[in-house]
Amino acid sequence: MKKQGLLLLAIVAIVLLGWNNAFAQGDGTYYFVAYFSNANTSGAPDATLRIINDGDASTAQTEGVPNGSLYASIYTFDDSQEMQACCNCYVSPDGILSESVNKELTANTLTGRQENSRGVVKIISSTTNDPTNNVLTPGLRGWITGVQSTSNIPSKGPFYMTETTLAHSNLSAAEQDDLQVTCSFVITLGGDEWGICTCTLEDQDF
């Protein structure tokens, strides 16, 4: 019985050690994807993208304030796979960024159209304030609300809201290059006026 008890304790210790290590390591994700639907639609509520900095990039603190600020490089696509806007938004350690899909992510598209009712949002966690030149750094986490229709007629209500975690995704070198180069084209073609999404200040909501 003693041997069985010792064996059981050893197994429990190994399981707990593995459990703690799994949580300590995190997943190292720096690339996220999500969709939006029923945006800029009469009678539908606005969706929200929320991103936090979990502090993973912090290495020190001064007077209780940790370093490790990050930027969310945000790329917005319409439902024809065309990038319509991009931007970089600052997120401090333990800070939260709130972005309106209607007012900030799709309000200033390259084509000047606000009829984009559905599309894709891609986010890269970076240490550079430049969506055309990212330095991949884990530490951002996010959620997005979805506007769902209860009708089988597109863009017709009544509507209800859901919320989901941003999908942790793999970022190939080709995809990263495509996002950065296309964003550069969008900014250039927009003349620094169109094709640029805007960022809410951290201590404010849109």
C-alpha atoms as a PDB file:
ATOM      1  CA  MET A   1       0.000   0.000   0.000  1.00  0.00           C
ATOM      2  CA  LYS A   2       2.878   2.379   0.795  1.00  0.00           C
ATOM      3  CA  LYS A   3       4.380   1.865  -2.669  1.00  0.00           C
ATOM      4  CA  GLN A   4       1.016   2.526  -4.306  1.00  0.00           C
ATOM      5  CA  GLY A   5       0.600   5.722  -2.258  1.00  0.00           C
ATOM      6  CA  LEU A   6       4.058   6.984  -3.210  1.00  0.00           C
ATOM      7  CA  LEU A   7       3.403   6.164  -6.856  1.00  0.00           C
ATOM      8  CA  LEU A   8       0.101   8.068  -6.740  1.00  0.00           C
ATOM      9  CA  LEU A   9       1.806  11.123  -5.186  1.00  0.00           C
ATOM     10  CA  ALA A  10       4.498  11.031  -7.871  1.00  0.00           C
ATOM     11  CA  ILE A  11       1.867  10.946 -10.633  1.00  0.00           C
ATOM     12  CA  VAL A  12      -0.048  13.860  -9.076  1.00  0.00           C
ATOM     13  CA  ALA A  13       3.184  15.884  -8.800  1.00  0.00           C
ATOM     14  CA  ILE A  14       4.043  15.258 -12.458  1.00  0.00           C
ATOM     15  CA  VAL A  15       0.548  16.224 -13.598  1.00  0.00           C
ATOM     16  CA  LEU A  16       0.599  19.444 -11.543  1.00  0.00           C
ATOM     17  CA  LEU A  17       4.068  20.347 -12.825  1.00  0.00           C
ATOM     18  CA  GLY A  18       2.950  19.848 -16.411  1.00  0.00           C
ATOM     19  CA  TRP A  19      -0.220  21.852 -15.754  1.00  0.00           C
ATOM     20  CA  ASN A  20       1.767  24.793 -14.336  1.00  0.00           C
ATOM     21  CA  ASN A  21       4.296  24.697 -17.172  1.00  0.00           C
ATOM     22  CA  ALA A  22       1.519  24.690 -19.759  1.00  0.00           C
ATOM     23  CA  PHE A  23       0.012  27.829 -18.277  1.00  0.00           C
ATOM     24  CA  ALA A  24       3.385  29.532 -17.810  1.00  0.00           C
ATOM     25  CA  GLN A  25       4.423  29.022 -21.406  1.00  0.00           C
ATOM     26  CA  GLY A  26       1.385  30.566 -23.095  1.00  0.00           C
ATOM     27  CA  ASP A  27       0.811  29.957 -26.774  1.00  0.00           C
ATOM     28  CA  GLY A  28       3.113  32.603 -28.267  1.00  0.00           C
ATOM     29  CA  THR A  29       0.486  33.706 -30.788  1.00  0.00           C
ATOM     30  CA  TYR A  30       1.019  37.030 -32.569  1.00  0.00           C
ATOM     31  CA  TYR A  31      -1.502  36.676 -35.423  1.00  0.00           C
ATOM     32  CA  PHE A  32      -5.293  36.698 -35.148  1.00  0.00           C
ATOM     33  CA  VAL A  33      -8.239  36.643 -37.543  1.00  0.00           C
ATOM     34  CA  ALA A  34     -11.974  37.328 -37.232  1.00  0.00           C
ATOM     35  CA  TYR A  35     -14.993  38.245 -39.344  1.00  0.00           C
ATOM     36  CA  PHE A  36     -17.608  40.980 -39.099  1.00  0.00           C
ATOM     37  CA  SER A  37     -21.173  40.851 -40.411  1.00  0.00           C
ATOM     38  CA  ASN A  38     -24.142  43.187 -40.815  1.00  0.00           C
ATOM     39  CA  ALA A  39     -21.894  46.228 -40.425  1.00  0.00           C
ATOM     40  CA  ASN A  40     -23.197  49.624 -41.581  1.00  0.00           C
ATOM     41  CA  THR A  41     -26.672  48.102 -41.768  1.00  0.00           C
ATOM     42  CA  SER A  42     -29.840  50.018 -40.927  1.00  0.00           C
ATOM     43  CA  GLY A  43     -31.340  48.809 -37.660  1.00  0.00           C
ATOM     44  CA  ALA A  44     -28.294  46.717 -36.720  1.00  0.00           C
ATOM     45  CA  PRO A  45     -26.083  47.503 -33.697  1.00  0.00           C
ATOM     46  CA  ASP A  46     -22.400  48.286 -34.092  1.00  0.00           C
ATOM     47  CA  ALA A  47     -19.841  45.510 -33.514  1.00  0.00           C
ATOM     48  CA  THR A  48     -16.772  45.993 -31.336  1.00  0.00           C
ATOM     49  CA  LEU A  49     -13.206  44.709 -31.537  1.00  0.00           C
ATOM     50  CA  ARG A  50     -11.454  44.673 -28.154  1.00  0.00           C
ATOM     51  CA  ILE A  51      -7.737  43.982 -27.742  1.00  0.00           C
ATOM     52  CA  ILE A  52      -5.700  43.769 -24.526  1.00  0.00           C
ATOM     53  CA  ASN A  53      -1.961  43.609 -23.838  1.00  0.00           C
ATOM     54  CA  ASP A  54      -1.437  40.674 -21.460  1.00  0.00           C
ATOM     55  CA  GLY A  55       2.003  41.936 -20.368  1.00  0.00           C
ATOM     56  CA  ASP A  56       3.924  39.025 -21.904  1.00  0.00           C
ATOM     57  CA  ALA A  57       6.382  41.441 -23.559  1.00  0.00           C
ATOM     58  CA  SER A  58       7.187  43.223 -20.281  1.00  0.00           C
ATOM     59  CA  THR A  59      10.688  42.775 -18.882  1.00  0.00           C
ATOM     60  CA  ALA A  60      10.844  45.473 -16.197  1.00  0.00           C
ATOM     61  CA  GLN A  61       8.798  48.153 -14.485  1.00  0.00           C
ATOM     62  CA  THR A  62       9.425  51.702 -13.330  1.00  0.00           C
ATOM     63  CA  GLU A  63       7.448  52.962 -10.340  1.00  0.00           C
ATOM     64  CA  GLY A  64       5.001  50.125 -10.798  1.00  0.00           C
ATOM     65  CA  VAL A  65       4.485  50.767 -14.521  1.00  0.00           C
ATOM     66  CA  PRO A  66       5.655  47.834 -16.687  1.00  0.00           C
ATOM     67  CA  ASN A  67       7.341  48.251 -20.043  1.00  0.00           C
ATOM     68  CA  GLY A  68       6.405  46.112 -23.048  1.00  0.00           C
ATOM     69  CA  SER A  69       4.034  48.327 -25.015  1.00  0.00           C
ATOM     70  CA  LEU A  70       2.700  46.726 -28.189  1.00  0.00           C
ATOM     71  CA  TYR A  71       0.894  47.762 -31.339  1.00  0.00           C
ATOM     72  CA  ALA A  72      -2.059  46.048 -32.972  1.00  0.00           C
ATOM     73  CA  SER A  73      -1.562  46.131 -36.725  1.00  0.00           C
ATOM     74  CA  ILE A  74      -5.129  45.925 -38.025  1.00  0.00           C
ATOM     75  CA  TYR A  75      -6.066  45.012 -41.595  1.00  0.00           C
ATOM     76  CA  THR A  76      -9.700  45.207 -42.746  1.00  0.00           C
ATOM     77  CA  PHE A  77     -10.951  43.322 -45.809  1.00  0.00           C
ATOM     78  CA  ASP A  78     -14.298  43.414 -47.601  1.00  0.00           C
ATOM     79  CA  ASP A  79     -16.118  40.237 -48.640  1.00  0.00           C
ATOM     80  CA  SER A  80     -14.288  40.250 -51.988  1.00  0.00           C
ATOM     81  CA  GLN A  81     -10.924  39.680 -50.284  1.00  0.00           C
ATOM     82  CA  GLU A  82      -9.834  43.275 -50.969  1.00  0.00           C
ATOM     83  CA  MET A  83      -8.013  45.187 -48.218  1.00  0.00           C
ATOM     84  CA  GLN A  84      -9.978  48.362 -47.551  1.00  0.00           C
ATOM     85  CA  ALA A  85      -8.112  49.879 -44.609  1.00  0.00           C
ATOM     86  CA  CYS A  86      -5.196  49.313 -42.256  1.00  0.00           C
ATOM     87  CA  CYS A  87      -3.703  51.013 -39.213  1.00  0.00           C
ATOM     88  CA  ASN A  88      -1.561  50.531 -36.103  1.00  0.00           C
ATOM     89  CA  CYS A  89      -3.095  51.020 -32.652  1.00  0.00           C
ATOM     90  CA  TYR A  90      -1.090  51.384 -29.418  1.00  0.00           C
ATOM     91  CA  VAL A  91      -1.859  49.012 -26.525  1.00  0.00           C
ATOM     92  CA  SER A  92       0.029  49.519 -23.247  1.00  0.00           C
ATOM     93  CA  PRO A  93       0.809  46.637 -20.852  1.00  0.00           C
ATOM     94  CA  ASP A  94      -2.450  45.665 -19.095  1.00  0.00           C
ATOM     95  CA  GLY A  95      -4.254  48.174 -21.345  1.00  0.00           C
ATOM     96  CA  ILE A  96      -7.352  47.697 -23.479  1.00  0.00           C
ATOM     97  CA  LEU A  97      -8.153  48.981 -26.961  1.00  0.00           C
ATOM     98  CA  SER A  98     -11.787  49.211 -28.123  1.00  0.00           C
ATOM     99  CA  GLU A  99     -12.502  49.617 -31.830  1.00  0.00           C
ATOM    100  CA  SER A 100     -15.864  50.251 -33.494  1.00  0.00           C
ATOM    101  CA  VAL A 101     -16.351  48.229 -36.678  1.00  0.00           C
ATOM    102  CA  ASN A 102     -18.665  50.867 -38.177  1.00  0.00           C
ATOM    103  CA  LYS A 103     -16.994  54.069 -36.977  1.00  0.00           C
ATOM    104  CA  GLU A 104     -13.311  53.110 -37.107  1.00  0.00           C
ATOM    105  CA  LEU A 105     -12.557  49.924 -39.039  1.00  0.00           C
ATOM    106  CA  THR A 106     -14.860  50.449 -42.046  1.00  0.00           C
ATOM    107  CA  ALA A 107     -15.619  54.182 -41.956  1.00  0.00           C
ATOM    108  CA  ASN A 108     -12.645  55.338 -44.041  1.00  0.00           C
ATOM    109  CA  THR A 109     -12.164  52.681 -46.711  1.00  0.00           C
ATOM    110  CA  LEU A 110      -9.893  53.044 -49.725  1.00  0.00           C
ATOM    111  CA  THR A 111     -12.892  53.019 -52.075  1.00  0.00           C
ATOM    112  CA  GLY A 112     -14.816  55.485 -49.924  1.00  0.00           C
ATOM    113  CA  ARG A 113     -17.687  53.013 -49.613  1.00  0.00           C
ATOM    114  CA  GLN A 114     -19.372  52.363 -46.285  1.00  0.00           C
ATOM    115  CA  GLU A 115     -21.646  49.685 -47.672  1.00  0.00           C
ATOM    116  CA  ASN A 116     -19.258  46.923 -46.602  1.00  0.00           C
ATOM    117  CA  SER A 117     -21.603  44.869 -44.456  1.00  0.00           C
ATOM    118  CA  ARG A 118     -19.322  41.881 -43.970  1.00  0.00           C
ATOM    119  CA  GLY A 119     -15.661  41.071 -44.212  1.00  0.00           C
ATOM    120  CA  VAL A 120     -12.511  39.934 -42.445  1.00  0.00           C
ATOM    121  CA  VAL A 121     -10.264  41.546 -39.846  1.00  0.00           C
ATOM    122  CA  LYS A 122      -6.652  40.423 -39.364  1.00  0.00           C
ATOM    123  CA  ILE A 123      -4.463  41.558 -36.447  1.00  0.00           C
ATOM    124  CA  ILE A 124      -0.712  41.252 -35.895  1.00  0.00           C
ATOM    125  CA  SER A 125       0.877  41.822 -32.477  1.00  0.00           C
ATOM    126  CA  SER A 126       3.980  43.943 -33.073  1.00  0.00           C
ATOM    127  CA  THR A 127       6.491  46.239 -31.356  1.00  0.00           C
ATOM    128  CA  THR A 128       6.665  48.670 -34.292  1.00  0.00           C
ATOM    129  CA  ASN A 129       4.262  51.518 -34.921  1.00  0.00           C
ATOM    130  CA  ASP A 130       4.088  50.650 -38.608  1.00  0.00           C
ATOM    131  CA  PRO A 131       1.593  48.195 -40.170  1.00  0.00           C
ATOM    132  CA  THR A 132       3.863  47.917 -43.219  1.00  0.00           C
ATOM    133  CA  ASN A 133       6.864  46.718 -41.183  1.00  0.00           C
ATOM    134  CA  ASN A 134       5.932  44.511 -38.226  1.00  0.00           C
ATOM    135  CA  VAL A 135       8.220  43.019 -35.619  1.00  0.00           C
ATOM    136  CA  LEU A 136       6.243  39.981 -34.473  1.00  0.00           C
ATOM    137  CA  THR A 137       5.874  39.929 -30.685  1.00  0.00           C
ATOM    138  CA  PRO A 138       3.345  37.870 -28.667  1.00  0.00           C
ATOM    139  CA  GLY A 139       1.292  39.597 -26.009  1.00  0.00           C
ATOM    140  CA  LEU A 140      -1.975  40.792 -27.527  1.00  0.00           C
ATOM    141  CA  ARG A 141      -5.279  38.998 -26.965  1.00  0.00           C
ATOM    142  CA  GLY A 142      -8.665  39.951 -28.329  1.00  0.00           C
ATOM    143  CA  TRP A 143     -12.386  39.451 -28.775  1.00  0.00           C
ATOM    144  CA  ILE A 144     -14.939  40.672 -31.288  1.00  0.00           C
ATOM    145  CA  THR A 145     -18.705  40.966 -31.171  1.00  0.00           C
ATOM    146  CA  GLY A 146     -20.725  39.713 -34.099  1.00  0.00           C
ATOM    147  CA  VAL A 147     -24.021  41.092 -35.330  1.00  0.00           C
ATOM    148  CA  GLN A 148     -26.198  38.146 -36.325  1.00  0.00           C
ATOM    149  CA  SER A 149     -29.468  38.312 -38.251  1.00  0.00           C
ATOM    150  CA  THR A 150     -32.450  36.146 -37.321  1.00  0.00           C
ATOM    151  CA  SER A 151     -33.777  36.452 -40.861  1.00  0.00           C
ATOM    152  CA  ASN A 152     -32.777  34.401 -43.886  1.00  0.00           C
ATOM    153  CA  ILE A 153     -32.783  37.648 -45.873  1.00  0.00           C
ATOM    154  CA  PRO A 154     -29.263  39.197 -45.905  1.00  0.00           C
ATOM    155  CA  SER A 155     -28.823  42.367 -43.847  1.00  0.00           C
ATOM    156  CA  LYS A 156     -32.359  42.194 -42.471  1.00  0.00           C
ATOM    157  CA  GLY A 157     -33.224  42.011 -38.778  1.00  0.00           C
ATOM    158  CA  PRO A 158     -34.095  41.502 -36.098  1.00  0.00           C
ATOM    159  CA  PHE A 159     -30.459  41.243 -34.970  1.00  0.00           C
ATOM    160  CA  TYR A 160     -28.683  39.819 -31.938  1.00  0.00           C
ATOM    161  CA  MET A 161     -25.115  40.018 -30.655  1.00  0.00           C
ATOM    162  CA  THR A 162     -22.536  37.311 -30.084  1.00  0.00           C
ATOM    163  CA  GLU A 163     -18.946  37.587 -28.855  1.00  0.00           C
ATOM    164  CA  THR A 164     -16.029  35.332 -29.704  1.00  0.00           C
ATOM    165  CA  THR A 165     -12.307  35.141 -29.075  1.00  0.00           C
ATOM    166  CA  LEU A 166     -10.116  36.162 -31.989  1.00  0.00           C
ATOM    167  CA  ALA A 167      -8.897  33.038 -33.775  1.00  0.00           C
ATOM    168  CA  HIS A 168      -5.227  32.316 -33.061  1.00  0.00           C
ATOM    169  CA  SER A 169      -3.696  31.655 -36.472  1.00  0.00           C
ATOM    170  CA  ASN A 170      -0.437  30.741 -38.187  1.00  0.00           C
ATOM    171  CA  LEU A 171       1.297  33.556 -40.043  1.00  0.00           C
ATOM    172  CA  SER A 172       3.388  32.482 -43.015  1.00  0.00           C
ATOM    173  CA  ALA A 173       6.161  34.713 -44.347  1.00  0.00           C
ATOM    174  CA  ALA A 174       4.185  35.104 -47.576  1.00  0.00           C
ATOM    175  CA  GLU A 175       1.019  36.191 -45.721  1.00  0.00           C
ATOM    176  CA  GLN A 176       2.936  38.679 -43.567  1.00  0.00           C
ATOM    177  CA  ASP A 177       4.615  40.167 -46.630  1.00  0.00           C
ATOM    178  CA  ASP A 178       1.293  40.381 -48.482  1.00  0.00           C
ATOM    179  CA  LEU A 179      -0.410  42.178 -45.574  1.00  0.00           C
ATOM    180  CA  GLN A 180       2.413  44.689 -45.206  1.00  0.00           C
ATOM    181  CA  VAL A 181       2.868  45.406 -48.916  1.00  0.00           C
ATOM    182  CA  THR A 182      -0.857  45.668 -49.597  1.00  0.00           C
ATOM    183  CA  CYS A 183      -1.279  47.992 -46.620  1.00  0.00           C
ATOM    184  CA  SER A 184       1.494  50.188 -48.030  1.00  0.00           C
ATOM    185  CA  PHE A 185      -0.325  50.314 -51.393  1.00  0.00           C
ATOM    186  CA  VAL A 186      -3.640  51.153 -49.699  1.00  0.00           C
ATOM    187  CA  ILE A 187      -2.088  54.032 -47.737  1.00  0.00           C
ATOM    188  CA  THR A 188      -0.284  55.348 -50.826  1.00  0.00           C
ATOM    189  CA  LEU A 189      -3.335  55.107 -53.091  1.00  0.00           C
ATOM    190  CA  GLY A 190      -5.489  56.717 -50.408  1.00  0.00           C
ATOM    191  CA  GLY A 191      -3.150  59.685 -50.239  1.00  0.00           C
ATOM    192  CA  ASP A 192      -2.902  59.442 -46.431  1.00  0.00           C
ATOM    193  CA  GLU A 193      -6.617  60.269 -46.358  1.00  0.00           C
ATOM    194  CA  TRP A 194      -8.473  57.109 -47.391  1.00  0.00           C
ATOM    195  CA  GLY A 195      -7.813  53.504 -46.477  1.00  0.00           C
ATOM    196  CA  ILE A 196      -6.674  54.278 -42.941  1.00  0.00           C
ATOM    197  CA  CYS A 197      -8.602  52.997 -39.933  1.00  0.00           C
ATOM    198  CA  THR A 198      -8.557  55.041 -36.727  1.00  0.00           C
ATOM    199  CA  CYS A 199      -7.676  54.148 -33.143  1.00  0.00           C
ATOM    200  CA  THR A 200      -9.598  54.878 -29.951  1.00  0.00           C
ATOM    201  CA  LEU A 201      -7.568  56.239 -27.052  1.00  0.00           C
ATOM    202  CA  GLU A 202      -7.013  53.530 -24.436  1.00  0.00           C
ATOM    203  CA  ASP A 203      -8.829  55.343 -21.636  1.00  0.00           C
ATOM    204  CA  GLN A 204     -11.864  56.002 -23.819  1.00  0.00           C
ATOM    205  CA  ASP A 205     -14.547  54.078 -25.652  1.00  0.00           C
ATOM    206  CA  PHE A 206     -15.520  55.072 -29.182  1.00  0.00           C
END
